[in-house]
Protein backbone atom coordinates (compact mmCIF):
# COMPACT_ATOMS: atom_id res chain seq x y z
CA UNK A 1 12.83 5.87 -2.69
CA UNK A 2 10.03 5.59 -0.11
CA UNK A 3 10.70 8.04 2.75
CA UNK A 4 8.64 5.43 4.94
CA UNK A 5 11.52 3.01 4.06
CA UNK A 6 14.48 4.99 4.17
CA UNK A 7 16.14 4.89 8.07
CA UNK A 8 17.49 8.23 9.27
CA UNK A 9 21.06 8.54 10.75
CA UNK A 10 21.28 10.43 14.23
CA UNK A 11 24.38 12.27 15.28
CA UNK A 12 27.18 11.51 13.73
CA UNK A 13 26.08 7.94 13.15
CA UNK A 14 27.54 6.75 9.62
CA UNK A 15 24.61 4.20 8.97
CA UNK A 16 20.89 4.29 10.79
CA UNK A 17 20.80 1.86 14.06
CA UNK A 18 17.54 -0.13 14.79
CA UNK A 19 16.46 -2.64 17.17
CA UNK A 20 15.15 -6.07 17.03
CA UNK A 21 13.41 -7.32 20.29
CA UNK A 22 12.08 -10.79 21.62
CA UNK A 23 10.74 -9.85 24.80
CA UNK A 24 12.92 -12.64 26.30
CA UNK A 25 11.91 -14.29 29.54
CA UNK A 26 15.17 -15.59 30.99
CA UNK A 27 14.98 -18.16 33.90
CA UNK A 28 13.39 -17.12 36.76
CA UNK A 29 11.65 -14.08 34.99
CA UNK A 30 7.94 -14.11 34.31
CA UNK A 31 6.13 -12.73 31.06
CA UNK A 32 4.78 -9.76 32.79
CA UNK A 33 8.76 -8.63 33.75
CA UNK A 34 9.86 -9.35 30.09
CA UNK A 35 7.23 -7.08 28.69
CA UNK A 36 7.43 -4.43 30.95
CA UNK A 37 11.24 -4.43 30.22
CA UNK A 38 10.30 -4.54 26.52
CA UNK A 39 8.29 -1.31 27.12
CA UNK A 40 11.23 0.30 29.23
CA UNK A 41 13.58 -0.48 26.16
CA UNK A 42 11.41 0.89 23.58
CA UNK A 43 11.42 4.38 25.29
CA UNK A 44 14.76 3.94 25.74
CA UNK A 45 15.69 3.41 22.16
CA UNK A 46 12.89 6.03 20.95
CA UNK A 47 14.57 8.85 23.10
CA UNK A 48 18.18 7.82 21.78
CA UNK A 49 17.69 7.97 18.28
CA UNK A 50 17.20 4.48 16.90
CA UNK A 51 15.28 4.32 13.69
CA UNK A 52 12.89 1.13 14.14
CA UNK A 53 11.71 -1.03 16.86
CA UNK A 54 10.74 -4.54 15.51
CA UNK A 55 9.09 -7.13 17.38
CA UNK A 56 9.71 -10.71 16.47
CA UNK A 57 6.60 -13.85 16.20
CA UNK A 58 7.34 -16.85 18.15
CA UNK A 59 5.24 -19.62 19.57
CA UNK A 60 5.63 -22.22 21.91
CA UNK A 61 8.78 -20.82 23.24
CA UNK A 62 9.09 -20.16 27.26
CA UNK A 63 11.95 -17.57 26.55
CA UNK A 64 10.44 -15.76 24.14
CA UNK A 65 7.16 -13.67 24.96
CA UNK A 66 6.41 -12.26 21.36
CA UNK A 67 3.69 -14.64 20.04
CA UNK A 68 1.74 -11.85 18.93
CA UNK A 69 3.39 -8.76 17.64
CA UNK A 70 0.53 -6.61 16.71
CA UNK A 71 -0.65 -6.61 20.22
CA UNK A 72 2.58 -5.83 21.82
CA UNK A 73 2.84 -2.95 18.84
CA UNK A 74 -0.31 -2.02 19.85
CA UNK A 75 0.75 -1.11 23.48
CA UNK A 76 4.25 0.74 22.13
CA UNK A 77 2.18 2.79 20.02
CA UNK A 78 1.20 4.82 23.09
CA UNK A 79 4.79 4.22 24.83
CA UNK A 80 6.79 6.13 22.15
CA UNK A 81 6.57 9.02 20.25
CA UNK A 82 8.63 8.90 17.10
CA UNK A 83 10.55 5.51 16.54
CA UNK A 84 8.99 3.41 13.94
CA UNK A 85 7.48 0.16 15.09
CA UNK A 86 7.04 -2.87 13.00
CA UNK A 87 7.15 -6.47 13.09
CA UNK A 88 10.24 -8.35 12.42
CA UNK A 89 8.06 -10.15 11.52
CA UNK A 90 4.80 -11.68 11.14
CA UNK A 91 5.22 -15.31 9.61
CA UNK A 92 2.68 -15.21 6.98
CA UNK A 93 1.77 -18.53 6.39
CA UNK A 94 0.35 -18.66 10.47
CA UNK A 95 -2.33 -16.23 9.58
CA UNK A 96 -5.02 -15.41 7.16
CA UNK A 97 -3.66 -12.84 4.88
CA UNK A 98 -6.64 -10.76 5.85
CA UNK A 99 -5.89 -10.78 9.55
CA UNK A 100 -3.16 -9.45 8.94
CA UNK A 101 -3.75 -6.34 6.66
CA UNK A 102 -6.52 -5.39 9.25
CA UNK A 103 -4.11 -5.81 12.48
CA UNK A 104 -1.31 -3.43 10.67
CA UNK A 105 -4.01 -1.56 9.03
CA UNK A 106 -5.20 -0.68 12.41
CA UNK A 107 -1.93 -0.04 13.53
CA UNK A 108 -1.05 2.10 10.60
CA UNK A 109 -4.15 4.10 11.46
CA UNK A 110 -3.29 4.95 15.11
CA UNK A 111 0.38 5.46 14.30
CA UNK A 112 0.25 6.73 10.74
CA UNK A 113 3.92 6.79 9.35
CA UNK A 114 5.40 4.73 11.62
CA UNK A 115 4.66 1.24 11.27
CA UNK A 116 6.84 -1.47 9.61
CA UNK A 117 5.43 -5.06 8.37
CA UNK A 118 7.69 -7.54 7.96
CA UNK A 119 6.78 -10.74 6.86
CA UNK A 120 8.18 -13.90 6.30
CA UNK A 121 7.66 -17.87 5.96
CA UNK A 122 9.48 -19.47 8.70
CA UNK A 123 6.94 -20.98 11.14
CA UNK A 124 8.86 -19.32 14.14
CA UNK A 125 8.16 -22.49 16.11
CA UNK A 126 8.43 -26.40 15.84
CA UNK A 127 6.50 -28.44 13.50
CA UNK A 128 3.75 -29.78 16.18
CA UNK A 129 3.27 -26.14 16.80
CA UNK A 130 3.15 -24.92 13.26
CA UNK A 131 0.56 -27.49 12.52
CA UNK A 132 -1.62 -26.25 15.64
CA UNK A 133 -1.56 -22.76 13.90
CA UNK A 134 -1.82 -23.72 10.58
CA UNK A 135 -4.65 -26.24 11.08
CA UNK A 136 -2.52 -29.11 9.83
CA UNK A 137 -1.42 -27.73 6.59
CA UNK A 138 2.12 -27.47 7.53
CA UNK A 139 3.90 -27.87 4.14
CA UNK A 140 0.79 -27.26 2.10
CA UNK A 141 1.64 -23.42 2.10
CA UNK A 142 2.14 -21.00 -1.05
CA UNK A 143 4.00 -18.08 0.09
CA UNK A 144 3.81 -15.90 -2.86
CA UNK A 145 0.37 -16.25 -3.37
CA UNK A 146 -0.10 -15.43 0.46
CA UNK A 147 1.86 -12.57 0.22
CA UNK A 148 0.05 -11.19 -3.16
CA UNK A 149 -3.39 -11.58 -1.15
CA UNK A 150 -1.88 -9.78 1.61
CA UNK A 151 -0.98 -6.86 -0.78
CA UNK A 152 -4.11 -6.72 -2.32
CA UNK A 153 -5.82 -6.51 0.85
CA UNK A 154 -3.73 -3.65 1.94
CA UNK A 155 -4.23 -1.65 -1.43
CA UNK A 156 -7.94 -3.01 -2.05
CA UNK A 157 -6.85 -3.82 -5.40
CA UNK A 158 -8.06 -7.43 -6.53
CA UNK A 159 -8.46 -8.27 -10.04
CA UNK A 160 -12.19 -7.70 -11.27
CA UNK A 161 -12.83 -11.32 -11.47
CA UNK A 162 -11.45 -12.36 -7.97
CA UNK A 163 -14.05 -13.80 -5.75
CA UNK A 164 -12.71 -11.06 -2.72
CA UNK A 165 -13.52 -8.12 -5.48
CA UNK A 166 -17.00 -6.99 -4.65
CA UNK A 167 -17.41 -7.17 -0.86
CA UNK A 168 -14.40 -8.44 1.02
CA UNK A 169 -11.97 -5.84 2.31
CA UNK A 170 -9.52 -5.13 5.11
CA UNK A 171 -10.59 -2.40 7.81
CA UNK A 172 -9.21 -0.22 8.53
CA UNK A 173 -8.18 0.04 4.90
CA UNK A 174 -8.78 2.34 1.80
CA UNK A 175 -12.02 0.93 1.19
CA UNK A 176 -13.25 2.52 4.52
CA UNK A 177 -12.28 5.67 3.12
CA UNK A 178 -14.21 4.93 0.14
CA UNK A 179 -17.64 3.96 1.50
CA UNK A 180 -17.62 6.29 3.96
CA UNK A 181 -17.33 9.52 1.56
CA UNK A 182 -14.14 10.60 3.22
CA UNK A 183 -10.92 11.91 0.87
CA UNK A 184 -8.59 8.56 1.07
CA UNK A 185 -6.34 8.92 4.35
CA UNK A 186 -5.61 5.49 4.48
CA UNK A 187 -1.27 4.92 3.98
CA UNK A 188 -0.76 1.01 3.98
CA UNK A 189 2.65 0.34 6.25
CA UNK A 190 5.75 -0.61 4.01
CA UNK A 191 6.14 -4.19 3.27
CA UNK A 192 9.53 -6.03 4.21
CA UNK A 193 10.42 -8.99 3.28
CA UNK A 194 12.30 -10.96 5.63
CA UNK A 195 14.86 -14.30 5.50
CA UNK A 196 18.01 -15.68 6.48
CA UNK A 197 18.49 -17.50 3.09
CA UNK A 198 18.15 -16.65 -0.49
CA UNK A 199 14.50 -17.61 -0.95
CA UNK A 200 13.15 -14.22 0.38
CA UNK A 201 16.21 -12.11 -1.20
CA UNK A 202 14.93 -13.56 -4.62
CA UNK A 203 11.59 -12.89 -3.93
CA UNK A 204 12.40 -9.43 -2.73
CA UNK A 205 14.18 -8.43 -5.58
CA UNK A 206 11.40 -9.58 -8.35
CA UNK A 207 8.91 -7.54 -6.56
CA UNK A 208 11.54 -4.58 -5.56
CA UNK A 209 10.67 -4.68 -1.98
CA UNK A 210 13.16 -3.61 0.98
CA UNK A 211 14.72 -6.72 2.21
CA UNK A 212 15.73 -7.62 5.75
CA UNK A 213 18.59 -10.40 6.17
CA UNK A 214 18.68 -12.35 9.69
CA UNK A 215 22.46 -12.58 10.31
CA UNK A 216 22.08 -13.27 14.01
CA UNK A 217 20.40 -16.76 12.43
CA UNK A 218 22.40 -17.41 9.71
CA UNK A 219 25.57 -15.09 9.16
CA UNK A 220 27.49 -17.65 6.84
CA UNK A 221 24.55 -16.81 4.49
CA UNK A 222 24.22 -12.71 4.39
CA UNK A 223 26.82 -12.16 1.68
CA UNK A 224 24.97 -14.76 -0.71
CA UNK A 225 21.84 -13.39 -0.09
CA UNK A 226 22.55 -9.59 -0.13
CA UNK A 227 24.63 -10.22 -3.28
CA UNK A 228 21.40 -12.06 -4.93
CA UNK A 229 18.64 -9.43 -4.05
CA UNK A 230 21.51 -6.52 -5.13
CA UNK A 231 21.90 -8.18 -8.49
CA UNK A 232 18.56 -9.29 -8.95
CA UNK A 233 16.59 -6.30 -7.68
CA UNK A 234 13.78 -4.93 -10.03
CA UNK A 235 12.84 -1.14 -9.45
CA UNK A 236 9.12 -0.88 -8.31
CA UNK A 237 6.50 2.06 -7.32
CA UNK A 238 7.71 1.11 -3.79
CA UNK A 239 11.62 1.04 -4.00
CA UNK A 240 13.81 2.58 -7.06
CA UNK A 241 17.21 1.07 -5.72
CA UNK A 242 17.45 -2.12 -3.17
CA UNK A 243 17.44 -1.40 0.66
CA UNK A 244 18.98 -3.73 2.92
CA UNK A 245 18.50 -4.32 6.84
CA UNK A 246 21.17 -6.59 8.21
CA UNK A 247 20.36 -7.92 12.02
CA UNK A 248 22.59 -9.29 14.22
CA UNK A 249 23.31 -10.54 17.93
CA UNK A 250 25.06 -8.44 20.59
CA UNK A 251 25.62 -7.83 24.03
CA UNK A 252 27.83 -5.25 25.37
CA UNK A 253 28.76 -4.40 29.24
CA UNK A 254 30.54 -2.51 31.62
CA UNK A 255 33.05 -5.66 31.56
CA UNK A 256 33.62 -7.62 28.55
CA UNK A 257 34.07 -10.55 30.68
CA UNK A 258 30.66 -9.89 31.90
CA UNK A 259 29.17 -8.99 28.37
CA UNK A 260 30.49 -12.39 27.40
CA UNK A 261 29.32 -14.53 30.17
CA UNK A 262 25.74 -12.81 29.14
CA UNK A 263 26.21 -13.89 25.46
CA UNK A 264 27.58 -17.24 26.61
CA UNK A 265 24.13 -17.71 28.41
CA UNK A 266 21.87 -17.19 25.39
CA UNK A 267 24.40 -19.37 23.27
CA UNK A 268 23.54 -22.02 25.68
CA UNK A 269 19.56 -21.61 25.22
CA UNK A 270 20.09 -21.96 21.44
CA UNK A 271 22.33 -24.97 22.10
CA UNK A 272 19.20 -26.81 23.58
CA UNK A 273 17.23 -25.46 21.05
CA UNK A 274 19.25 -26.99 18.47
CA UNK A 275 18.95 -30.22 20.38
CA UNK A 276 15.20 -30.43 20.55
CA UNK A 277 15.24 -29.73 24.30
CA UNK A 278 13.26 -27.47 26.12
CA UNK A 279 15.02 -24.14 26.91
CA UNK A 280 15.03 -20.83 28.24
CA UNK A 281 18.03 -18.49 28.95
CA UNK A 282 19.79 -19.82 31.94
CA UNK A 283 21.73 -17.33 34.37
CA UNK A 284 25.24 -16.46 33.48
CA UNK A 285 26.61 -18.54 36.57
CA UNK A 286 24.17 -21.56 35.36
CA UNK A 287 25.66 -21.74 32.11
CA UNK A 288 29.27 -21.21 33.44
CA UNK A 289 28.91 -24.12 35.79
CA UNK A 290 26.97 -26.63 33.48
CA UNK A 291 28.82 -30.18 32.29
CA UNK A 292 28.70 -29.99 28.95
CA UNK A 293 29.32 -32.83 26.49
CA UNK A 294 31.66 -32.25 23.62
CA UNK A 295 28.79 -32.04 21.38
CA UNK A 296 27.19 -29.46 23.32
CA UNK A 297 30.30 -27.32 23.99
CA UNK A 298 30.87 -27.33 19.98
CA UNK A 299 27.10 -26.17 19.32
CA UNK A 300 27.21 -23.39 22.13
CA UNK A 301 30.29 -22.44 20.60
CA UNK A 302 28.50 -22.18 16.98
CA UNK A 303 26.16 -20.09 18.45
CA UNK A 304 28.29 -17.76 20.75
CA UNK A 305 30.33 -17.10 17.77
CA UNK A 306 27.72 -15.16 16.06
CA UNK A 307 27.15 -12.44 19.09
CA UNK A 308 29.19 -9.45 19.22
CA UNK A 309 30.12 -9.05 22.84
CA UNK A 310 32.29 -6.70 24.80
CA UNK A 311 32.19 -3.11 25.96
CA UNK A 312 30.33 -0.87 23.73
CA UNK A 313 33.05 0.42 21.71
CA UNK A 314 34.12 -3.16 21.21
CA UNK A 315 30.68 -3.91 19.94
CA UNK A 316 30.45 -0.91 17.54
CA UNK A 317 33.83 -2.42 16.37
CA UNK A 318 32.63 -5.36 15.70
CA UNK A 319 29.58 -3.87 13.95
CA UNK A 320 31.70 -1.63 11.87
CA UNK A 321 33.68 -4.31 10.62
CA UNK A 322 30.53 -6.56 9.42
CA UNK A 323 28.92 -3.42 8.03
CA UNK A 324 32.10 -2.78 5.88
CA UNK A 325 31.62 -6.32 4.53
CA UNK A 326 27.73 -6.20 3.99
CA UNK A 327 27.35 -2.32 3.38
CA UNK A 328 23.82 -2.62 4.69
CA UNK A 329 21.55 0.73 4.35
CA UNK A 330 20.74 -0.23 7.93
CA UNK A 331 21.88 -2.53 10.98
CA UNK A 332 19.40 -3.99 13.34
CA UNK A 333 21.01 -5.45 16.68
CA UNK A 334 19.29 -7.73 18.77
CA UNK A 335 20.62 -7.81 22.53
CA UNK A 336 21.10 -11.34 23.74
CA UNK A 337 21.56 -12.10 27.26
CA UNK A 338 19.88 -13.36 30.53
CA UNK A 339 18.20 -10.28 32.15
CA UNK A 340 16.35 -7.18 31.34
CA UNK A 341 18.66 -5.11 32.89
CA UNK A 342 21.25 -6.37 31.07
CA UNK A 343 19.68 -6.05 27.62
CA UNK A 344 18.91 -2.65 28.09
CA UNK A 345 22.27 -1.49 29.91
CA UNK A 346 23.82 -3.12 26.73
CA UNK A 347 21.28 -1.10 24.72
CA UNK A 348 22.57 2.36 26.68
CA UNK A 349 26.13 1.08 26.05
CA UNK A 350 25.63 0.82 22.37
CA UNK A 351 23.96 4.10 21.87
CA UNK A 352 26.63 5.36 23.84
CA UNK A 353 29.62 4.36 21.76
CA UNK A 354 27.75 4.96 18.56
CA UNK A 355 27.39 8.69 19.28
CA UNK A 356 23.64 8.74 19.28
CA UNK A 357 21.91 11.60 20.91
CA UNK A 358 21.04 11.19 24.93
CA UNK A 359 17.25 12.42 24.63
CA UNK A 360 15.98 13.04 21.00
CA UNK A 361 12.26 13.15 22.10
CA UNK A 362 11.48 15.80 24.75
């Protein structure tokens, strides 16, 4: 198995634990405050021994500040020392594959051995915004073909009869070393396929790629998708056996009541998203006093049921229960609450309860 894919357990932890981040800007918070909090969170999880810090891609979402994962990751390269940094993920139909190859080739050259490239096919936004991103071509995408083109740029490996073979290539990349007359130093970042259904599970299995499942969005599909991936997996030059990350929403606090208040506030925002209304994460107090219709309460309940909340120990207990079911090679958590302080504290408490080191980076 490629060592750049395999996660590393820290301390007495039974499985590697990683972080997914949205740089959430709750109500009353600016983008600058949300991004500053994400930088501080990345420093924390680097010190505490988490395996990865991945950044999601979203657009036209005022409560989510990660519209450009590559730009935020470039900053985090200089703010961290050992943790793997990656996109979770880049929504490939939103970009020309050459652009993604160049952005992540640049990141991989700045932080060799520390960059992951997760790719997905969802828009990460509403259909009108997707149309703006894709120049009106929504519905005309061919994700497998886009993925193959991305891999060809990353490896400089187009077929001889391909129109890009002679003079179109990604920089930084392997062709640059060749043209500059230096030993090949470029190592492309490992590519992960992301999904919340069986589509990417099947494609990842066929290609022999690692697979990350978004259980924080679709926990009802996780068992089905992972079973398909494992049963259908074909060994490749990348992986000799399946490797799975499952991501879950969490919120820990010193008091379990406060954890549940924070989780409910996030669930309120997702309810508004589900009913096609503008949304940001309200304060816990605002979410508590909101006058819910029966339908709104049912939808908020549905989203809230996907979040593991409580004290740090209670969240770890719930994570362990899910892990016994999914048997993932690695778990990834997304802290879901209103304030940066609550998200930071949640991460600290979970690290403590999981027995992670206090300061692995000196």
